[in-house]
């Protein structure tokens, strides 16, 4: 019989500096596949960011800020695991 054992891995993150505070977003290879699939929609992206950034930050982020954050997140995820957003 074949067998595989999954090991708990460290969560790799993208550090985001906003003002004088830093926040962390887990990279795509560190989140459950179901959550990664939800990032194919704008609502999914907003929900993901809202889960990791406080409401007072989400309330002031512009669309351009969100694009910048998610672009950096996508590049870091690609480097980490080879995953490309939209190809999960």
N, C-alpha and C. Protein backbone atom coordinates (compact mmCIF):
# COMPACT_ATOMS: atom_id res chain seq x y z
N UNK A 1 0.85 -1.18 0.00
CA UNK A 1 0.00 0.00 0.00
C UNK A 1 0.90 1.24 0.00
N UNK A 2 0.53 2.20 -0.81
CA UNK A 2 1.26 3.47 -0.85
C UNK A 2 0.80 4.36 0.31
N UNK A 3 1.69 5.23 0.73
CA UNK A 3 1.36 6.10 1.87
C UNK A 3 2.09 7.42 1.71
N UNK A 4 1.45 8.48 2.17
CA UNK A 4 2.07 9.79 2.17
C UNK A 4 1.77 10.45 3.52
N UNK A 5 2.73 11.16 4.05
CA UNK A 5 2.56 11.87 5.31
C UNK A 5 2.81 13.35 5.06
N UNK A 6 1.83 14.17 5.37
CA UNK A 6 1.98 15.61 5.22
C UNK A 6 2.53 16.20 6.50
N UNK A 7 3.51 17.05 6.37
CA UNK A 7 4.12 17.70 7.52
C UNK A 7 3.59 19.11 7.65
N UNK A 8 3.46 19.55 8.87
CA UNK A 8 3.07 20.94 9.11
C UNK A 8 4.22 21.83 8.67
N UNK A 9 3.90 22.79 7.84
CA UNK A 9 4.92 23.71 7.33
C UNK A 9 4.76 25.08 7.96
N UNK A 10 5.84 25.81 7.98
CA UNK A 10 5.77 27.18 8.45
C UNK A 10 4.96 28.00 7.45
N UNK A 11 4.19 28.94 7.95
CA UNK A 11 3.42 29.83 7.09
C UNK A 11 4.34 30.91 6.56
N UNK A 12 4.47 30.98 5.24
CA UNK A 12 5.26 32.04 4.64
C UNK A 12 4.33 33.21 4.36
N UNK A 13 4.83 34.43 4.58
CA UNK A 13 3.98 35.61 4.48
C UNK A 13 4.62 36.71 3.65
N UNK A 14 3.76 37.61 3.21
CA UNK A 14 4.18 38.87 2.62
C UNK A 14 4.01 39.92 3.70
N UNK A 15 5.06 40.64 4.02
CA UNK A 15 4.99 41.71 5.00
C UNK A 15 4.54 42.98 4.27
N UNK A 16 3.54 43.64 4.83
CA UNK A 16 3.00 44.87 4.25
C UNK A 16 3.19 45.98 5.27
N UNK A 17 3.90 47.03 4.87
CA UNK A 17 4.10 48.18 5.74
C UNK A 17 3.10 49.26 5.35
N UNK A 18 2.30 49.67 6.33
CA UNK A 18 1.32 50.73 6.13
C UNK A 18 1.51 51.71 7.28
N UNK A 19 1.92 52.92 6.93
CA UNK A 19 2.24 53.89 7.97
C UNK A 19 3.40 53.35 8.80
N UNK A 20 3.24 53.38 10.10
CA UNK A 20 4.31 52.90 10.98
C UNK A 20 4.06 51.48 11.50
N UNK A 21 3.11 50.77 10.87
CA UNK A 21 2.79 49.40 11.30
C UNK A 21 3.04 48.43 10.16
N UNK A 22 3.27 47.18 10.53
CA UNK A 22 3.49 46.11 9.56
C UNK A 22 2.42 45.03 9.76
N UNK A 23 1.97 44.48 8.65
CA UNK A 23 0.95 43.44 8.65
C UNK A 23 1.47 42.29 7.79
N UNK A 24 0.92 41.11 8.00
CA UNK A 24 1.36 39.93 7.26
C UNK A 24 0.19 39.27 6.55
N UNK A 25 0.41 38.91 5.28
CA UNK A 25 -0.55 38.13 4.52
C UNK A 25 0.09 36.78 4.20
N UNK A 26 -0.57 35.67 4.55
CA UNK A 26 0.00 34.38 4.19
C UNK A 26 0.03 34.23 2.67
N UNK A 27 1.11 33.66 2.17
CA UNK A 27 1.25 33.47 0.72
C UNK A 27 0.38 32.30 0.26
N UNK A 28 0.14 32.25 -1.04
CA UNK A 28 -0.76 31.27 -1.62
C UNK A 28 -0.43 29.82 -1.31
N UNK A 29 0.85 29.50 -1.21
CA UNK A 29 1.24 28.14 -0.89
C UNK A 29 1.06 27.79 0.57
N UNK A 30 0.69 28.77 1.39
CA UNK A 30 0.52 28.56 2.83
C UNK A 30 -0.93 28.60 3.28
N UNK A 31 -1.85 28.75 2.32
CA UNK A 31 -3.27 28.81 2.68
C UNK A 31 -3.99 27.59 2.09
N UNK A 32 -5.14 27.22 2.67
CA UNK A 32 -5.89 26.09 2.12
C UNK A 32 -6.29 26.33 0.66
N UNK A 33 -6.32 25.26 -0.12
CA UNK A 33 -6.65 25.34 -1.54
C UNK A 33 -8.01 26.01 -1.77
N UNK A 34 -9.00 25.69 -0.94
CA UNK A 34 -10.33 26.28 -1.08
C UNK A 34 -10.26 27.80 -0.96
N UNK A 35 -9.46 28.28 -0.03
CA UNK A 35 -9.30 29.73 0.14
C UNK A 35 -8.58 30.33 -1.07
N UNK A 36 -7.59 29.65 -1.59
CA UNK A 36 -6.87 30.12 -2.76
C UNK A 36 -7.80 30.24 -3.96
N UNK A 37 -8.68 29.26 -4.15
CA UNK A 37 -9.63 29.31 -5.27
C UNK A 37 -10.55 30.52 -5.17
N UNK A 38 -10.90 30.92 -3.96
CA UNK A 38 -11.79 32.07 -3.76
C UNK A 38 -11.15 33.39 -4.16
N UNK A 39 -9.83 33.40 -4.35
CA UNK A 39 -9.14 34.63 -4.71
C UNK A 39 -9.24 34.95 -6.20
N UNK A 40 -10.07 34.22 -6.90
CA UNK A 40 -10.28 34.48 -8.33
C UNK A 40 -11.32 35.58 -8.55
N UNK A 41 -11.95 36.03 -7.48
CA UNK A 41 -12.96 37.09 -7.59
C UNK A 41 -12.55 38.30 -6.76
N UNK A 42 -13.08 39.45 -7.13
CA UNK A 42 -12.80 40.66 -6.35
C UNK A 42 -13.32 40.52 -4.93
N UNK A 43 -14.50 39.92 -4.77
CA UNK A 43 -15.05 39.72 -3.43
C UNK A 43 -14.16 38.79 -2.60
N UNK A 44 -13.62 37.77 -3.25
CA UNK A 44 -12.73 36.84 -2.55
C UNK A 44 -11.45 37.52 -2.10
N UNK A 45 -10.90 38.38 -2.95
CA UNK A 45 -9.69 39.13 -2.60
C UNK A 45 -9.98 40.05 -1.42
N UNK A 46 -11.10 40.77 -1.48
CA UNK A 46 -11.45 41.68 -0.40
C UNK A 46 -11.65 40.92 0.91
N UNK A 47 -12.31 39.77 0.83
CA UNK A 47 -12.54 38.95 2.03
C UNK A 47 -11.21 38.47 2.63
N UNK A 48 -10.29 38.05 1.77
CA UNK A 48 -8.98 37.59 2.21
C UNK A 48 -8.21 38.71 2.90
N UNK A 49 -8.17 39.88 2.27
CA UNK A 49 -7.47 41.01 2.87
C UNK A 49 -8.13 41.42 4.19
N UNK A 50 -9.45 41.41 4.23
CA UNK A 50 -10.18 41.80 5.45
C UNK A 50 -9.91 40.84 6.60
N UNK A 51 -9.59 39.59 6.28
CA UNK A 51 -9.30 38.62 7.33
C UNK A 51 -7.93 38.85 7.95
N UNK A 52 -7.06 39.60 7.24
CA UNK A 52 -5.68 39.76 7.71
C UNK A 52 -5.29 41.21 8.01
N UNK A 53 -6.13 42.14 7.63
CA UNK A 53 -5.87 43.55 7.91
C UNK A 53 -7.02 44.10 8.75
N UNK A 54 -6.72 44.96 9.71
CA UNK A 54 -7.79 45.48 10.57
C UNK A 54 -8.76 46.37 9.79
N UNK A 55 -10.01 46.45 10.28
CA UNK A 55 -11.04 47.24 9.59
C UNK A 55 -10.62 48.69 9.34
N UNK A 56 -9.91 49.30 10.29
CA UNK A 56 -9.53 50.70 10.11
C UNK A 56 -8.54 50.88 8.95
N UNK A 57 -7.80 49.83 8.62
CA UNK A 57 -6.90 49.87 7.47
C UNK A 57 -7.70 49.62 6.19
N UNK A 58 -8.56 48.61 6.21
CA UNK A 58 -9.37 48.30 5.03
C UNK A 58 -10.25 49.48 4.63
N UNK A 59 -10.71 50.24 5.61
CA UNK A 59 -11.60 51.38 5.33
C UNK A 59 -10.91 52.50 4.56
N UNK A 60 -9.58 52.56 4.62
CA UNK A 60 -8.88 53.67 3.96
C UNK A 60 -8.06 53.25 2.75
N UNK A 61 -7.97 51.95 2.48
CA UNK A 61 -7.20 51.51 1.32
C UNK A 61 -7.93 51.88 0.03
N UNK A 62 -7.18 52.43 -0.91
CA UNK A 62 -7.76 52.75 -2.21
C UNK A 62 -7.72 51.50 -3.09
N UNK A 63 -8.41 51.56 -4.20
CA UNK A 63 -8.37 50.46 -5.16
C UNK A 63 -6.93 50.24 -5.63
N UNK A 64 -6.19 51.32 -5.84
CA UNK A 64 -4.80 51.22 -6.27
C UNK A 64 -3.94 50.56 -5.19
N UNK A 65 -4.21 50.88 -3.91
CA UNK A 65 -3.49 50.23 -2.81
C UNK A 65 -3.72 48.72 -2.82
N UNK A 66 -4.97 48.32 -3.01
CA UNK A 66 -5.31 46.90 -3.02
C UNK A 66 -4.64 46.20 -4.20
N UNK A 67 -4.63 46.85 -5.36
CA UNK A 67 -3.95 46.28 -6.53
C UNK A 67 -2.46 46.10 -6.25
N UNK A 68 -1.85 47.11 -5.63
CA UNK A 68 -0.42 47.04 -5.31
C UNK A 68 -0.13 45.90 -4.35
N UNK A 69 -0.93 45.79 -3.29
CA UNK A 69 -0.74 44.73 -2.31
C UNK A 69 -0.91 43.36 -2.97
N UNK A 70 -1.98 43.21 -3.74
CA UNK A 70 -2.25 41.89 -4.30
C UNK A 70 -1.28 41.53 -5.41
N UNK A 71 -0.77 42.50 -6.11
CA UNK A 71 0.25 42.24 -7.13
C UNK A 71 1.53 41.72 -6.46
N UNK A 72 1.93 42.38 -5.37
CA UNK A 72 3.12 41.94 -4.62
C UNK A 72 2.89 40.56 -4.02
N UNK A 73 1.68 40.31 -3.53
CA UNK A 73 1.33 39.01 -2.96
C UNK A 73 1.42 37.93 -4.04
N UNK A 74 0.90 38.23 -5.22
CA UNK A 74 0.95 37.27 -6.33
C UNK A 74 2.38 36.94 -6.74
N UNK A 75 3.23 37.95 -6.82
CA UNK A 75 4.63 37.73 -7.17
C UNK A 75 5.36 36.91 -6.11
N UNK A 76 5.10 37.23 -4.84
CA UNK A 76 5.73 36.48 -3.75
C UNK A 76 5.23 35.03 -3.72
N UNK A 77 3.95 34.83 -3.99
CA UNK A 77 3.38 33.48 -4.04
C UNK A 77 4.01 32.69 -5.18
N UNK A 78 4.16 33.34 -6.32
CA UNK A 78 4.77 32.67 -7.48
C UNK A 78 6.19 32.22 -7.17
N UNK A 79 6.95 33.09 -6.51
CA UNK A 79 8.34 32.74 -6.13
C UNK A 79 8.35 31.62 -5.10
N UNK A 80 7.41 31.68 -4.14
CA UNK A 80 7.36 30.69 -3.07
C UNK A 80 7.00 29.31 -3.58
N UNK A 81 5.97 29.22 -4.41
CA UNK A 81 5.42 27.90 -4.72
C UNK A 81 5.23 27.62 -6.19
N UNK A 82 5.46 28.61 -7.03
CA UNK A 82 5.23 28.42 -8.45
C UNK A 82 3.77 28.63 -8.83
N UNK A 83 2.90 28.89 -7.84
CA UNK A 83 1.49 29.14 -8.12
C UNK A 83 1.31 30.52 -8.73
N UNK A 84 0.43 30.60 -9.72
CA UNK A 84 0.09 31.89 -10.31
C UNK A 84 -1.37 32.13 -10.03
N UNK A 85 -1.72 33.33 -9.59
CA UNK A 85 -3.11 33.67 -9.31
C UNK A 85 -3.92 33.42 -10.57
N UNK A 86 -5.03 32.72 -10.43
CA UNK A 86 -5.87 32.41 -11.57
C UNK A 86 -5.53 31.07 -12.20
N UNK A 87 -4.48 30.41 -11.73
CA UNK A 87 -4.10 29.12 -12.29
C UNK A 87 -4.17 28.02 -11.25
N UNK A 88 -4.79 28.28 -10.11
CA UNK A 88 -4.83 27.28 -9.04
C UNK A 88 -5.69 26.10 -9.41
